Protein backbone atom coordinates (compact mmCIF):
# COMPACT_ATOMS: atom_id res chain seq x y z
CA MET A 1 17.52 -4.17 -16.56
CA ALA A 2 16.86 -5.93 -13.26
CA VAL A 3 14.96 -4.27 -10.45
CA PRO A 4 17.53 -2.32 -8.38
CA LYS A 5 18.42 -3.41 -4.86
CA TYR A 6 16.64 -1.64 -2.05
CA GLN A 7 19.65 0.62 -1.35
CA ALA A 8 19.24 2.17 -4.80
CA PHE A 9 15.85 3.52 -3.71
CA PHE A 10 17.25 5.53 -0.76
CA ASN A 11 18.13 8.78 -2.54
CA PRO A 12 15.27 8.73 -5.08
CA THR A 13 12.74 8.21 -2.27
CA LEU A 14 14.16 11.06 -0.23
CA GLN A 15 14.26 13.37 -3.26
CA VAL A 16 10.73 12.56 -4.42
CA ILE A 17 9.24 13.23 -0.98
CA LYS A 18 11.03 16.58 -0.90
CA ASP A 19 9.77 17.37 -4.40
CA LEU A 20 6.23 16.61 -3.23
CA GLY A 21 6.50 19.18 -0.45
CA GLY A 22 8.08 17.15 2.32
CA SER A 23 5.38 14.49 2.63
CA ALA A 24 3.93 11.78 0.40
CA SER A 25 1.52 8.89 0.48
CA ILE A 26 2.72 5.40 -0.41
CA ALA A 27 0.61 5.54 -3.58
CA GLU A 28 2.35 8.75 -4.65
CA LEU A 29 5.77 7.25 -3.97
CA GLU A 30 4.96 4.08 -5.89
CA ASP A 31 4.05 6.22 -8.90
CA ASP A 32 6.77 8.87 -8.73
CA VAL A 33 9.89 7.03 -7.51
CA PRO A 34 9.97 4.46 -10.36
CA ARG A 35 9.38 7.31 -12.82
CA PHE A 36 12.22 9.30 -11.20
CA MET A 37 14.49 6.26 -11.53
CA GLN A 38 13.35 5.66 -15.13
CA LEU A 39 12.42 2.05 -14.43
CA THR A 40 10.86 0.16 -17.31
CA ASP A 41 7.31 -1.15 -17.34
CA ASP A 42 8.71 -4.68 -17.12
CA ASP A 43 10.72 -3.74 -14.02
CA ILE A 44 7.65 -2.21 -12.38
CA ALA A 45 5.45 -5.21 -13.21
CA GLU A 46 7.86 -7.86 -11.87
CA MET A 47 6.18 -9.61 -8.96
CA HIS A 48 7.82 -10.33 -5.61
CA ASP A 49 4.96 -12.45 -4.35
CA GLU A 50 1.25 -12.85 -5.02
CA ARG A 51 0.19 -9.44 -3.75
CA GLN A 52 3.03 -7.01 -4.37
CA THR A 53 5.64 -6.19 -6.97
CA ARG A 54 9.37 -6.38 -6.34
CA VAL A 55 9.57 -2.60 -6.70
CA GLN A 56 6.90 -2.08 -4.02
CA TYR A 57 8.65 -4.58 -1.76
CA ARG A 58 12.08 -2.98 -2.05
CA MET A 59 10.69 0.55 -1.78
CA ALA A 60 9.05 -0.43 1.51
CA TRP A 61 12.40 -1.59 2.89
CA ALA A 62 14.11 1.54 1.61
CA ARG A 63 11.64 3.66 3.61
CA THR A 64 12.28 1.47 6.65
CA TYR A 65 16.05 2.02 6.46
CA LEU A 66 15.65 5.77 5.92
CA LYS A 67 13.37 5.92 8.94
CA ALA A 68 15.87 4.00 11.07
CA TYR A 69 18.55 6.46 9.92
CA GLY A 70 16.36 9.34 11.08
CA LEU A 71 15.60 10.94 7.71
CA LEU A 72 11.96 9.88 7.35
CA ASP A 73 9.01 9.26 9.61
CA ASN A 74 5.50 8.00 8.92
CA THR A 75 2.04 8.62 10.30
CA GLU A 76 -0.62 6.06 11.18
CA ARG A 77 -2.37 6.93 7.91
CA GLY A 78 0.62 5.86 5.84
CA VAL A 79 1.97 9.30 4.98
CA TRP A 80 5.77 9.53 4.88
CA VAL A 81 7.39 12.77 6.03
CA VAL A 82 10.90 14.18 5.84
CA THR A 83 12.29 14.80 9.33
CA PRO A 84 14.26 17.93 10.32
CA LYS A 85 17.42 15.85 9.93
CA GLY A 86 16.26 14.74 6.49
CA LYS A 87 15.69 18.31 5.38
CA GLU A 88 19.37 19.03 5.94
CA VAL A 89 20.52 16.10 3.81
CA ASP A 90 20.65 16.21 0.01
CA ARG A 91 22.05 12.73 -0.56
CA VAL A 92 23.05 9.77 1.56
CA ASP A 93 25.67 7.08 1.25
CA PRO A 94 23.57 3.88 0.92
CA ARG A 95 26.28 1.81 2.58
CA GLU A 96 26.38 4.12 5.58
CA VAL A 97 22.58 4.05 5.96
CA THR A 98 22.51 0.27 5.73
CA ARG A 99 25.35 -0.18 8.20
CA TYR A 100 23.88 2.31 10.68
CA ALA A 101 20.39 0.82 10.60
CA ARG A 102 21.59 -2.74 11.02
CA ASN A 103 23.97 -1.88 13.84
CA GLN A 104 21.21 0.08 15.56
CA HIS A 105 19.00 -3.00 15.77
CA ARG A 106 21.62 -5.71 16.05
CA GLY A 107 21.06 -6.16 19.74
CA ARG A 108 17.29 -6.69 19.40
CA GLN A 109 17.32 -10.04 17.69
CA GLN A 110 19.86 -12.32 16.11
CA GLN A 111 20.20 -11.72 12.41
CA SER A 112 19.30 -14.76 10.32
CA GLY A 113 19.58 -14.96 6.58
CA ALA A 114 19.95 -11.25 5.81
CA ASN A 115 21.47 -10.64 2.44
CA GLU A 116 24.21 -8.06 2.91
CA LEU A 117 24.22 -7.16 -0.77
CA GLY A 118 20.49 -6.83 -1.25
CA LEU A 119 17.15 -8.40 -0.54
CA ASP A 120 16.70 -10.77 -3.47
CA ASP A 121 14.17 -13.45 -2.49
CA LYS A 122 15.39 -13.85 1.09
CA PRO A 123 13.75 -12.04 3.99
CA GLU A 124 15.50 -8.74 4.59
CA ILE A 125 15.43 -9.39 8.25
CA PRO A 126 18.00 -6.92 9.12
CA GLU A 127 16.63 -6.57 12.59
CA PHE A 128 13.49 -4.54 12.38
CA PRO A 129 11.04 -6.33 14.66
CA ASP A 130 8.21 -3.86 13.97
CA VAL A 131 8.50 -4.45 10.23
CA VAL A 132 8.68 -8.22 10.66
CA ILE A 133 5.49 -8.10 12.72
CA GLU A 134 3.83 -5.89 10.10
CA GLN A 135 4.75 -8.33 7.35
CA THR A 136 3.54 -11.30 9.40
CA TRP A 137 -0.03 -10.10 9.91
CA ARG A 138 -0.25 -9.00 6.29
CA ASP A 139 0.85 -12.43 5.07
CA ALA A 140 -1.66 -14.14 7.35
CA LEU A 141 -4.51 -11.84 6.30
CA VAL A 142 -3.93 -12.11 2.56
CA ALA A 143 -3.73 -15.91 2.89
CA LYS A 144 -7.13 -15.84 4.58
CA LEU A 145 -8.56 -13.74 1.74
CA TYR A 146 -7.29 -16.25 -0.83
CA ASP A 147 -9.03 -19.03 1.10
CA LEU A 148 -12.41 -17.30 0.89
CA HIS A 149 -15.05 -18.49 -1.54
CA PRO A 150 -15.53 -15.87 -4.30
CA GLN A 151 -19.00 -15.03 -3.00
CA ALA A 152 -17.65 -14.65 0.53
CA PHE A 153 -15.00 -12.25 -0.77
CA GLU A 154 -17.74 -10.22 -2.48
CA ARG A 155 -19.65 -10.05 0.82
CA LEU A 156 -16.48 -8.91 2.57
CA CYS A 157 -16.06 -6.09 0.03
CA GLN A 158 -19.73 -5.22 0.50
CA ARG A 159 -19.21 -4.95 4.25
CA LEU A 160 -16.05 -2.88 3.75
CA LEU A 161 -17.94 -0.39 1.58
CA ARG A 162 -20.76 -0.12 4.10
CA GLU A 163 -18.31 0.47 6.93
CA SER A 164 -16.67 3.15 4.75
CA GLY A 165 -19.89 5.13 4.40
CA PHE A 166 -21.55 3.65 1.32
CA VAL A 167 -25.31 3.02 1.49
CA GLN A 168 -27.59 0.66 -0.39
CA VAL A 169 -24.66 -1.60 -1.22
CA GLU A 170 -25.82 -4.59 -3.24
CA VAL A 171 -23.87 -7.52 -4.64
CA THR A 172 -25.32 -8.15 -8.08
CA GLY A 173 -22.57 -10.08 -9.82
CA ARG A 174 -23.79 -12.59 -12.35
CA PRO A 175 -22.35 -14.22 -15.49
CA GLY A 176 -22.15 -11.95 -18.52
CA ASP A 177 -22.30 -8.75 -16.48
CA GLY A 178 -18.94 -7.45 -17.63
CA GLY A 179 -17.25 -8.07 -14.31
CA ILE A 180 -19.58 -5.82 -12.31
CA ASP A 181 -20.05 -7.36 -8.88
CA GLY A 182 -22.23 -4.75 -7.24
CA VAL A 183 -23.39 -1.20 -6.78
CA GLY A 184 -23.38 1.23 -3.87
CA ILE A 185 -24.35 4.83 -3.31
CA VAL A 186 -21.94 7.44 -1.99
CA ARG A 187 -23.42 10.41 -0.13
CA LEU A 188 -21.56 13.69 0.20
CA GLY A 189 -22.41 16.06 3.00
CA GLY A 190 -25.94 14.72 3.24
CA LEU A 191 -26.83 16.67 0.08
CA LEU A 192 -25.37 14.87 -2.92
CA SER A 193 -25.37 11.21 -3.81
CA PHE A 194 -24.26 9.15 -6.77
CA PRO A 195 -23.97 5.44 -7.59
CA ILE A 196 -20.67 3.61 -7.93
CA LEU A 197 -20.33 0.23 -9.59
CA PHE A 198 -17.68 -2.02 -8.07
CA GLN A 199 -15.72 -5.11 -8.94
CA CYS A 200 -14.04 -7.49 -6.47
CA LYS A 201 -11.00 -9.33 -7.80
CA ARG A 202 -9.64 -12.01 -5.47
CA TYR A 203 -6.61 -12.07 -7.68
CA LYS A 204 -3.01 -13.19 -7.55
CA GLY A 205 -0.85 -11.04 -9.78
CA THR A 206 -1.28 -7.83 -11.73
CA VAL A 207 -4.48 -6.36 -13.13
CA GLY A 208 -3.83 -4.91 -16.57
CA PRO A 209 -5.44 -2.13 -18.64
CA GLY A 210 -7.63 -4.56 -20.60
CA GLU A 211 -9.59 -5.44 -17.47
CA ILE A 212 -10.05 -1.76 -16.70
CA ARG A 213 -11.44 -1.15 -20.19
CA ASP A 214 -13.77 -4.14 -19.94
CA PHE A 215 -15.13 -2.91 -16.63
CA ARG A 216 -15.63 0.60 -17.97
CA GLY A 217 -17.46 -0.78 -20.97
CA ALA A 218 -19.88 -2.57 -18.66
CA MET A 219 -20.47 0.69 -16.77
CA ILE A 220 -21.82 2.57 -19.79
CA GLY A 221 -25.31 3.84 -19.15
CA ARG A 222 -25.30 2.60 -15.57
CA ALA A 223 -22.90 4.80 -13.61
CA GLU A 224 -20.30 7.52 -14.15
CA ARG A 225 -17.80 6.17 -11.67
CA GLY A 226 -16.44 2.77 -10.74
CA LEU A 227 -14.28 1.04 -8.14
CA ILE A 228 -12.11 -2.05 -8.48
CA MET A 229 -10.77 -3.78 -5.38
CA THR A 230 -8.18 -6.52 -5.71
CA THR A 231 -5.87 -8.59 -3.55
CA GLY A 232 -3.23 -8.16 -6.27
CA THR A 233 -1.69 -5.10 -7.89
CA PHE A 234 -2.41 -2.78 -10.80
CA SER A 235 0.04 -2.26 -13.62
CA ARG A 236 1.20 1.24 -14.55
CA ASP A 237 -0.89 1.08 -17.73
CA ALA A 238 -3.93 -0.01 -15.73
CA LYS A 239 -3.56 3.03 -13.48
CA LYS A 240 -3.28 5.30 -16.52
CA GLU A 241 -6.34 3.72 -18.10
CA ALA A 242 -8.35 4.15 -14.91
CA THR A 243 -7.81 7.91 -14.98
CA ARG A 244 -7.78 8.46 -18.74
CA ASP A 245 -9.07 11.88 -19.81
CA GLY A 246 -12.57 11.87 -21.23
CA ALA A 247 -13.45 8.45 -19.79
CA PRO A 248 -15.45 7.63 -16.64
CA LEU A 249 -13.11 7.56 -13.65
CA ILE A 250 -12.37 4.23 -12.01
CA ASP A 251 -10.85 4.20 -8.52
CA LEU A 252 -8.41 1.40 -7.75
CA VAL A 253 -7.75 -0.33 -4.43
CA ASP A 254 -4.83 -2.77 -4.54
CA GLY A 255 -3.97 -5.55 -2.14
CA GLU A 256 -1.90 -3.45 0.25
CA GLN A 257 -4.59 -0.77 0.45
CA LEU A 258 -7.22 -3.45 0.99
CA LEU A 259 -5.29 -4.94 3.91
CA ASP A 260 -4.82 -1.47 5.42
CA LYS A 261 -8.55 -0.77 5.14
CA LEU A 262 -9.50 -4.07 6.77
CA LYS A 263 -7.12 -3.27 9.61
CA GLU A 264 -8.44 0.29 9.96
CA LEU A 265 -12.05 -0.89 10.09
CA GLN A 266 -11.08 -3.96 12.15
CA LEU A 267 -12.90 -6.33 9.83
CA GLY A 268 -11.50 -9.74 10.68
CA VAL A 269 -8.58 -7.98 12.38
CA THR A 270 -8.15 -6.93 15.99
CA VAL A 271 -5.65 -4.32 17.07
CA LYS A 272 -4.43 -4.37 20.67
CA MET A 273 -2.94 -1.21 22.09
CA ILE A 274 -0.33 -1.66 24.82
CA GLU A 275 -0.67 0.77 27.71
CA GLU A 276 2.60 2.34 28.79
CA VAL A 277 2.70 4.12 32.15
CA SER A 278 5.51 6.57 32.93
CA ILE A 279 6.18 8.67 36.00
CA VAL A 280 6.84 12.38 35.47
CA PRO A 281 9.10 13.53 38.35
CA GLU A 282 8.88 17.18 37.26
CA TRP A 283 5.14 17.18 37.92
CA PHE A 284 5.64 16.42 41.60
CA GLN A 285 8.23 19.17 41.93
CA ASN A 286 5.56 21.73 41.10
CA LEU A 287 3.24 20.72 43.95
């Protein structure tokens, strides 16, 4: 079966967030919504572009439409929450949500190329300027990462880990090392510390379970935990392999998470906040 259009993700997304207690991270949604919809592994693995799958892409637009309709909201940390209005709704009419959201934004910018039946390979563009801006900086940043020399990308990941609290972060990658690019030490509460081996994959496409197993094999006798960072995505089987019972745990950071982290730490990214000044007439009435 083909990957469903973004409208087909409306109700499953809303239901999954409710099932998870009214809030969910993007990672949780990307695991649970396809499972809820019984999508095949081939559907989930189908790529939209070099850094994200078609399912991830259409799920993102589904969340955007549900937010415009007033059923969902999201925090700066990427957690999606059901609104009071959303709590009162069990199911929505996808056509009504689509029509409402597009009409709501129609006056903001002229629609160009939007596919009324679905997103396919054309930009969704209904008229969500904030989402268009979000997509623009992500596209520019991932293009810059692809332009980096492999060693420069390793140094970037080294800097990211340091800025995230790792200490003694060393890039040690060399041929025949099983894909291990470096090691860092994580400290917890100033009392505990343990080493983590990491791998940096400046990669276009999907990382599969075989690469997870190879990395874990190289970890034996050196560390009990690993980390793989990639500009691409991880397949469902790769995620299962990374957390397989009885095997050393491997944490995974995909391309979208990597971009978010670079933005959060402002590594090669600047974020300008616009000051908005409003007068509060009620305040003066109390003088």
